[in-house]
């Protein structure tokens, strides 16, 4: 059972990233430098974005269940609960697109909780003898999650500041601009994609390591 869950977690994570990669080719109108991943829902291939979010959530759920008997201690279990909370946000991201009022809630559940979960779970796993040989790569992967979150926060702040200086409305109901205003240096979209890559690759690495250690 645990072996099957690891395979599902690994394959779901990889396929979710493939869906995201394909979106960049079939929806080139969304500039990856400043358009967020969620905005692909506004294009013709919303189903690919939905698949991306749902597969990401499935990967998280399967890994949390898989690791429940492996991870020990209060902090380790808290990490698994946070991973499940993140999974809820990921699945909600697929069910409620960027135009839905619950999309913001999906972000709040899915994004901030995963780096904490990754750190708590990874440090717990490295205490187990069977994981000792993978400790360095596992911890690098776990720390990449919060680093990518900080980078995305900085990128979003810089882009919003540029939009504000350009005179664009910044309220929550404002539509995204059709093109990047002159003078605005925006890299938040790249940071957004880096965050997703780091988040999903942590799931893939843990699942793959679990399979290799059996």
C-alpha atoms as a PDB file:
ATOM      1  CA  UNK A   1       0.000   0.000   0.000  1.00  0.00           C
ATOM      2  CA  UNK A   2       2.708   2.492   1.007  1.00  0.00           C
ATOM      3  CA  UNK A   3       4.704   1.530  -2.095  1.00  0.00           C
ATOM      4  CA  UNK A   4       1.713   2.302  -4.316  1.00  0.00           C
ATOM      5  CA  UNK A   5       1.138   5.634  -2.571  1.00  0.00           C
ATOM      6  CA  UNK A   6       4.760   6.586  -3.200  1.00  0.00           C
ATOM      7  CA  UNK A   7       4.412   5.735  -6.885  1.00  0.00           C
ATOM      8  CA  UNK A   8       1.225   7.804  -7.158  1.00  0.00           C
ATOM      9  CA  UNK A   9       2.820  10.726  -5.309  1.00  0.00           C
ATOM     10  CA  UNK A  10       5.887  10.620  -7.551  1.00  0.00           C
ATOM     11  CA  UNK A  11       4.033  10.214 -10.841  1.00  0.00           C
ATOM     12  CA  UNK A  12       1.367  12.802  -9.956  1.00  0.00           C
ATOM     13  CA  UNK A  13       4.036  15.352  -9.113  1.00  0.00           C
ATOM     14  CA  UNK A  14       5.942  14.757 -12.353  1.00  0.00           C
ATOM     15  CA  UNK A  15       2.804  14.850 -14.526  1.00  0.00           C
ATOM     16  CA  UNK A  16       1.628  18.050 -12.819  1.00  0.00           C
ATOM     17  CA  UNK A  17       4.880  19.750 -13.812  1.00  0.00           C
ATOM     18  CA  UNK A  18       4.494  18.435 -17.358  1.00  0.00           C
ATOM     19  CA  UNK A  19       1.022  20.023 -17.507  1.00  0.00           C
ATOM     20  CA  UNK A  20       2.511  23.327 -16.408  1.00  0.00           C
ATOM     21  CA  UNK A  21       5.314  23.056 -18.951  1.00  0.00           C
ATOM     22  CA  UNK A  22       2.859  22.360 -21.779  1.00  0.00           C
ATOM     23  CA  UNK A  23       0.841  25.438 -20.777  1.00  0.00           C
ATOM     24  CA  UNK A  24       3.841  27.624 -21.586  1.00  0.00           C
ATOM     25  CA  UNK A  25       3.829  26.357 -25.167  1.00  0.00           C
ATOM     26  CA  UNK A  26       0.081  26.293 -25.849  1.00  0.00           C
ATOM     27  CA  UNK A  27      -0.630  29.633 -24.136  1.00  0.00           C
ATOM     28  CA  UNK A  28       2.298  31.885 -25.134  1.00  0.00           C
ATOM     29  CA  UNK A  29       0.122  34.973 -24.722  1.00  0.00           C
ATOM     30  CA  UNK A  30       0.773  34.802 -20.967  1.00  0.00           C
ATOM     31  CA  UNK A  31       4.217  36.296 -20.463  1.00  0.00           C
ATOM     32  CA  UNK A  32       5.951  34.111 -17.840  1.00  0.00           C
ATOM     33  CA  UNK A  33       7.932  37.080 -16.581  1.00  0.00           C
ATOM     34  CA  UNK A  34       4.973  38.820 -14.972  1.00  0.00           C
ATOM     35  CA  UNK A  35       1.824  36.709 -15.459  1.00  0.00           C
ATOM     36  CA  UNK A  36       1.025  34.312 -12.617  1.00  0.00           C
ATOM     37  CA  UNK A  37       0.428  30.601 -13.191  1.00  0.00           C
ATOM     38  CA  UNK A  38      -3.191  30.932 -12.048  1.00  0.00           C
ATOM     39  CA  UNK A  39      -3.855  33.344 -14.922  1.00  0.00           C
ATOM     40  CA  UNK A  40      -3.638  30.476 -17.407  1.00  0.00           C
ATOM     41  CA  UNK A  41      -7.254  29.839 -16.363  1.00  0.00           C
ATOM     42  CA  UNK A  42      -8.146  32.906 -18.449  1.00  0.00           C
ATOM     43  CA  UNK A  43      -6.858  31.228 -21.599  1.00  0.00           C
ATOM     44  CA  UNK A  44      -8.084  28.419 -23.829  1.00  0.00           C
ATOM     45  CA  UNK A  45      -6.476  25.587 -21.906  1.00  0.00           C
ATOM     46  CA  UNK A  46      -7.937  25.970 -18.456  1.00  0.00           C
ATOM     47  CA  UNK A  47      -8.288  22.181 -18.192  1.00  0.00           C
ATOM     48  CA  UNK A  48      -4.503  21.815 -18.227  1.00  0.00           C
ATOM     49  CA  UNK A  49      -4.193  24.228 -15.311  1.00  0.00           C
ATOM     50  CA  UNK A  50      -6.931  22.362 -13.450  1.00  0.00           C
ATOM     51  CA  UNK A  51      -5.078  19.082 -14.026  1.00  0.00           C
ATOM     52  CA  UNK A  52      -1.856  20.689 -12.780  1.00  0.00           C
ATOM     53  CA  UNK A  53      -3.411  21.784  -9.485  1.00  0.00           C
ATOM     54  CA  UNK A  54      -5.352  18.565  -8.891  1.00  0.00           C
ATOM     55  CA  UNK A  55      -2.360  16.321  -9.609  1.00  0.00           C
ATOM     56  CA  UNK A  56      -0.199  18.462  -7.323  1.00  0.00           C
ATOM     57  CA  UNK A  57      -2.796  18.068  -4.575  1.00  0.00           C
ATOM     58  CA  UNK A  58      -3.029  14.309  -5.121  1.00  0.00           C
ATOM     59  CA  UNK A  59       0.756  14.051  -4.819  1.00  0.00           C
ATOM     60  CA  UNK A  60       0.667  15.906  -1.486  1.00  0.00           C
ATOM     61  CA  UNK A  61      -2.193  13.821  -0.080  1.00  0.00           C
ATOM     62  CA  UNK A  62      -0.578  10.521  -1.053  1.00  0.00           C
ATOM     63  CA  UNK A  63       2.748  11.519   0.438  1.00  0.00           C
ATOM     64  CA  UNK A  64       1.188  12.628   3.717  1.00  0.00           C
ATOM     65  CA  UNK A  65      -0.633   9.285   4.063  1.00  0.00           C
ATOM     66  CA  UNK A  66       2.487   7.380   3.004  1.00  0.00           C
ATOM     67  CA  UNK A  67       4.680   9.094   5.604  1.00  0.00           C
ATOM     68  CA  UNK A  68       2.209   9.019   8.495  1.00  0.00           C
ATOM     69  CA  UNK A  69       3.585   5.734   9.939  1.00  0.00           C
ATOM     70  CA  UNK A  70       7.168   6.784   9.156  1.00  0.00           C
ATOM     71  CA  UNK A  71       7.352  10.278  10.644  1.00  0.00           C
ATOM     72  CA  UNK A  72       7.363  10.375  14.449  1.00  0.00           C
ATOM     73  CA  UNK A  73       7.051  12.986  17.176  1.00  0.00           C
ATOM     74  CA  UNK A  74       4.769  15.953  17.612  1.00  0.00           C
ATOM     75  CA  UNK A  75       6.594  18.262  15.205  1.00  0.00           C
ATOM     76  CA  UNK A  76       6.777  15.600  12.531  1.00  0.00           C
ATOM     77  CA  UNK A  77       3.033  14.965  12.748  1.00  0.00           C
ATOM     78  CA  UNK A  78       2.379  18.713  12.637  1.00  0.00           C
ATOM     79  CA  UNK A  79       4.401  18.777   9.422  1.00  0.00           C
ATOM     80  CA  UNK A  80       2.184  16.088   7.913  1.00  0.00           C
ATOM     81  CA  UNK A  81      -0.978  17.959   8.940  1.00  0.00           C
ATOM     82  CA  UNK A  82       0.413  21.100   7.302  1.00  0.00           C
ATOM     83  CA  UNK A  83       1.133  19.081   4.176  1.00  0.00           C
ATOM     84  CA  UNK A  84      -2.510  17.984   4.095  1.00  0.00           C
ATOM     85  CA  UNK A  85      -3.612  21.604   4.561  1.00  0.00           C
ATOM     86  CA  UNK A  86      -1.381  22.558   1.660  1.00  0.00           C
ATOM     87  CA  UNK A  87      -2.978  19.774  -0.393  1.00  0.00           C
ATOM     88  CA  UNK A  88      -6.424  21.236   0.293  1.00  0.00           C
ATOM     89  CA  UNK A  89      -5.223  24.590  -1.042  1.00  0.00           C
ATOM     90  CA  UNK A  90      -3.699  22.964  -4.122  1.00  0.00           C
ATOM     91  CA  UNK A  91      -6.913  21.093  -4.929  1.00  0.00           C
ATOM     92  CA  UNK A  92      -8.961  24.249  -4.317  1.00  0.00           C
ATOM     93  CA  UNK A  93      -6.674  26.030  -6.789  1.00  0.00           C
ATOM     94  CA  UNK A  94      -7.880  23.594  -9.436  1.00  0.00           C
ATOM     95  CA  UNK A  95     -11.533  23.847  -8.451  1.00  0.00           C
ATOM     96  CA  UNK A  96     -11.710  27.630  -8.016  1.00  0.00           C
ATOM     97  CA  UNK A  97      -9.853  29.601 -10.668  1.00  0.00           C
ATOM     98  CA  UNK A  98      -8.390  33.085 -10.374  1.00  0.00           C
ATOM     99  CA  UNK A  99     -11.817  34.674 -10.978  1.00  0.00           C
ATOM    100  CA  UNK A 100     -13.437  32.859  -8.035  1.00  0.00           C
ATOM    101  CA  UNK A 101     -13.652  34.452  -4.591  1.00  0.00           C
ATOM    102  CA  UNK A 102     -12.194  31.304  -2.989  1.00  0.00           C
ATOM    103  CA  UNK A 103      -9.034  31.367  -5.080  1.00  0.00           C
ATOM    104  CA  UNK A 104      -7.321  33.614  -2.552  1.00  0.00           C
ATOM    105  CA  UNK A 105      -8.157  31.145   0.197  1.00  0.00           C
ATOM    106  CA  UNK A 106      -6.615  28.353  -1.845  1.00  0.00           C
ATOM    107  CA  UNK A 107      -3.391  30.374  -1.986  1.00  0.00           C
ATOM    108  CA  UNK A 108      -3.413  31.025   1.757  1.00  0.00           C
ATOM    109  CA  UNK A 109      -3.895  27.330   2.497  1.00  0.00           C
ATOM    110  CA  UNK A 110      -1.597  25.905  -0.132  1.00  0.00           C
ATOM    111  CA  UNK A 111       1.426  28.169  -0.344  1.00  0.00           C
ATOM    112  CA  UNK A 112       2.623  29.303   3.128  1.00  0.00           C
ATOM    113  CA  UNK A 113       2.026  25.941   4.825  1.00  0.00           C
ATOM    114  CA  UNK A 114       4.181  23.792   2.553  1.00  0.00           C
ATOM    115  CA  UNK A 115       7.638  25.220   3.404  1.00  0.00           C
ATOM    116  CA  UNK A 116       6.961  24.682   7.118  1.00  0.00           C
ATOM    117  CA  UNK A 117       5.725  21.161   6.375  1.00  0.00           C
ATOM    118  CA  UNK A 118       8.763  20.437   4.197  1.00  0.00           C
ATOM    119  CA  UNK A 119      11.205  21.519   6.913  1.00  0.00           C
ATOM    120  CA  UNK A 120       9.473  19.669   9.756  1.00  0.00           C
ATOM    121  CA  UNK A 121       9.071  16.469   7.747  1.00  0.00           C
ATOM    122  CA  UNK A 122      12.537  16.534   6.189  1.00  0.00           C
ATOM    123  CA  UNK A 123      14.397  17.102   9.459  1.00  0.00           C
ATOM    124  CA  UNK A 124      12.349  14.301  11.005  1.00  0.00           C
ATOM    125  CA  UNK A 125      13.177  11.905   8.177  1.00  0.00           C
ATOM    126  CA  UNK A 126      16.903  12.648   8.324  1.00  0.00           C
ATOM    127  CA  UNK A 127      16.939  11.260  11.864  1.00  0.00           C
ATOM    128  CA  UNK A 128      16.054   7.819  10.494  1.00  0.00           C
ATOM    129  CA  UNK A 129      18.986   5.599   9.575  1.00  0.00           C
ATOM    130  CA  UNK A 130      17.560   4.609   6.203  1.00  0.00           C
ATOM    131  CA  UNK A 131      17.391   8.302   5.180  1.00  0.00           C
ATOM    132  CA  UNK A 132      20.892   9.302   6.366  1.00  0.00           C
ATOM    133  CA  UNK A 133      22.428   8.917   2.907  1.00  0.00           C
ATOM    134  CA  UNK A 134      19.900  11.327   1.424  1.00  0.00           C
ATOM    135  CA  UNK A 135      19.966  13.916   4.207  1.00  0.00           C
ATOM    136  CA  UNK A 136      21.903  16.650   2.385  1.00  0.00           C
ATOM    137  CA  UNK A 137      19.857  16.620  -0.832  1.00  0.00           C
ATOM    138  CA  UNK A 138      16.616  16.310   1.135  1.00  0.00           C
ATOM    139  CA  UNK A 139      17.396  19.328   3.296  1.00  0.00           C
ATOM    140  CA  UNK A 140      18.539  21.399   0.314  1.00  0.00           C
ATOM    141  CA  UNK A 141      15.217  20.613  -1.338  1.00  0.00           C
ATOM    142  CA  UNK A 142      13.244  21.478   1.810  1.00  0.00           C
ATOM    143  CA  UNK A 143      15.028  24.810   2.279  1.00  0.00           C
ATOM    144  CA  UNK A 144      14.483  25.703  -1.383  1.00  0.00           C
ATOM    145  CA  UNK A 145      10.736  25.901  -0.666  1.00  0.00           C
ATOM    146  CA  UNK A 146      10.910  28.803   1.777  1.00  0.00           C
ATOM    147  CA  UNK A 147      13.649  30.544  -0.225  1.00  0.00           C
ATOM    148  CA  UNK A 148      11.445  30.450  -3.326  1.00  0.00           C
ATOM    149  CA  UNK A 149       8.524  31.818  -1.288  1.00  0.00           C
ATOM    150  CA  UNK A 150      10.629  34.775  -0.121  1.00  0.00           C
ATOM    151  CA  UNK A 151      11.763  35.437  -3.691  1.00  0.00           C
ATOM    152  CA  UNK A 152       8.186  35.387  -4.962  1.00  0.00           C
ATOM    153  CA  UNK A 153       7.098  37.761  -2.199  1.00  0.00           C
ATOM    154  CA  UNK A 154       9.886  40.168  -3.128  1.00  0.00           C
ATOM    155  CA  UNK A 155       9.030  39.870  -6.818  1.00  0.00           C
ATOM    156  CA  UNK A 156       5.348  40.538  -6.203  1.00  0.00           C
ATOM    157  CA  UNK A 157       6.130  43.558  -4.017  1.00  0.00           C
ATOM    158  CA  UNK A 158       8.449  45.015  -6.656  1.00  0.00           C
ATOM    159  CA  UNK A 159       5.931  44.441  -9.455  1.00  0.00           C
ATOM    160  CA  UNK A 160       2.997  45.906  -7.514  1.00  0.00           C
ATOM    161  CA  UNK A 161       5.099  48.934  -6.665  1.00  0.00           C
ATOM    162  CA  UNK A 162       5.915  49.388 -10.348  1.00  0.00           C
ATOM    163  CA  UNK A 163       2.263  49.042 -11.342  1.00  0.00           C
ATOM    164  CA  UNK A 164       1.281  51.611  -8.724  1.00  0.00           C
ATOM    165  CA  UNK A 165       3.871  54.094  -9.998  1.00  0.00           C
ATOM    166  CA  UNK A 166       2.535  53.516 -13.521  1.00  0.00           C
ATOM    167  CA  UNK A 167      -0.931  54.536 -12.313  1.00  0.00           C
ATOM    168  CA  UNK A 168      -2.583  51.119 -12.599  1.00  0.00           C
ATOM    169  CA  UNK A 169      -5.401  50.271 -10.136  1.00  0.00           C
ATOM    170  CA  UNK A 170      -4.296  47.883  -7.410  1.00  0.00           C
ATOM    171  CA  UNK A 171      -7.613  46.916  -5.811  1.00  0.00           C
ATOM    172  CA  UNK A 172      -8.600  43.241  -5.636  1.00  0.00           C
ATOM    173  CA  UNK A 173     -11.246  43.562  -8.382  1.00  0.00           C
ATOM    174  CA  UNK A 174      -8.911  45.200 -10.891  1.00  0.00           C
ATOM    175  CA  UNK A 175      -8.260  43.202 -14.054  1.00  0.00           C
ATOM    176  CA  UNK A 176      -4.619  42.354 -14.822  1.00  0.00           C
ATOM    177  CA  UNK A 177      -3.026  44.731 -17.344  1.00  0.00           C
ATOM    178  CA  UNK A 178      -2.899  43.546 -20.943  1.00  0.00           C
ATOM    179  CA  UNK A 179       0.750  44.492 -21.270  1.00  0.00           C
ATOM    180  CA  UNK A 180       3.593  45.428 -18.993  1.00  0.00           C
ATOM    181  CA  UNK A 181       3.802  49.222 -18.541  1.00  0.00           C
ATOM    182  CA  UNK A 182       7.032  50.906 -19.567  1.00  0.00           C
ATOM    183  CA  UNK A 183       9.568  51.180 -16.769  1.00  0.00           C
ATOM    184  CA  UNK A 184       8.137  48.286 -14.753  1.00  0.00           C
ATOM    185  CA  UNK A 185      10.713  45.569 -14.177  1.00  0.00           C
ATOM    186  CA  UNK A 186       8.759  42.426 -13.445  1.00  0.00           C
ATOM    187  CA  UNK A 187      10.161  38.998 -12.593  1.00  0.00           C
ATOM    188  CA  UNK A 188       7.445  37.858 -10.196  1.00  0.00           C
ATOM    189  CA  UNK A 189       6.104  35.410 -12.784  1.00  0.00           C
ATOM    190  CA  UNK A 190       9.437  33.633 -12.945  1.00  0.00           C
ATOM    191  CA  UNK A 191       9.573  33.551  -9.145  1.00  0.00           C
ATOM    192  CA  UNK A 192       6.052  32.115  -9.084  1.00  0.00           C
ATOM    193  CA  UNK A 193       7.148  29.296 -11.393  1.00  0.00           C
ATOM    194  CA  UNK A 194      10.323  28.704  -9.389  1.00  0.00           C
ATOM    195  CA  UNK A 195       8.203  28.365  -6.253  1.00  0.00           C
ATOM    196  CA  UNK A 196       6.000  25.718  -7.860  1.00  0.00           C
ATOM    197  CA  UNK A 197       9.048  23.871  -9.166  1.00  0.00           C
ATOM    198  CA  UNK A 198      10.664  23.813  -5.715  1.00  0.00           C
ATOM    199  CA  UNK A 199       7.425  22.768  -3.999  1.00  0.00           C
ATOM    200  CA  UNK A 200       6.620  19.919  -6.374  1.00  0.00           C
ATOM    201  CA  UNK A 201      10.218  18.728  -6.700  1.00  0.00           C
ATOM    202  CA  UNK A 202      10.382  18.361  -2.920  1.00  0.00           C
ATOM    203  CA  UNK A 203       7.379  16.016  -3.144  1.00  0.00           C
ATOM    204  CA  UNK A 204       9.003  14.140  -6.017  1.00  0.00           C
ATOM    205  CA  UNK A 205      12.327  13.836  -4.200  1.00  0.00           C
ATOM    206  CA  UNK A 206      10.818  12.557  -0.964  1.00  0.00           C
ATOM    207  CA  UNK A 207       8.624  10.054  -2.809  1.00  0.00           C
ATOM    208  CA  UNK A 208      11.526   8.881  -4.962  1.00  0.00           C
ATOM    209  CA  UNK A 209      13.805   8.531  -1.951  1.00  0.00           C
ATOM    210  CA  UNK A 210      11.112   6.565  -0.133  1.00  0.00           C
ATOM    211  CA  UNK A 211      10.880   4.125  -3.049  1.00  0.00           C
ATOM    212  CA  UNK A 212      14.669   3.820  -3.274  1.00  0.00           C
ATOM    213  CA  UNK A 213      14.965   3.072   0.448  1.00  0.00           C
ATOM    214  CA  UNK A 214      12.474   0.191   0.449  1.00  0.00           C
END
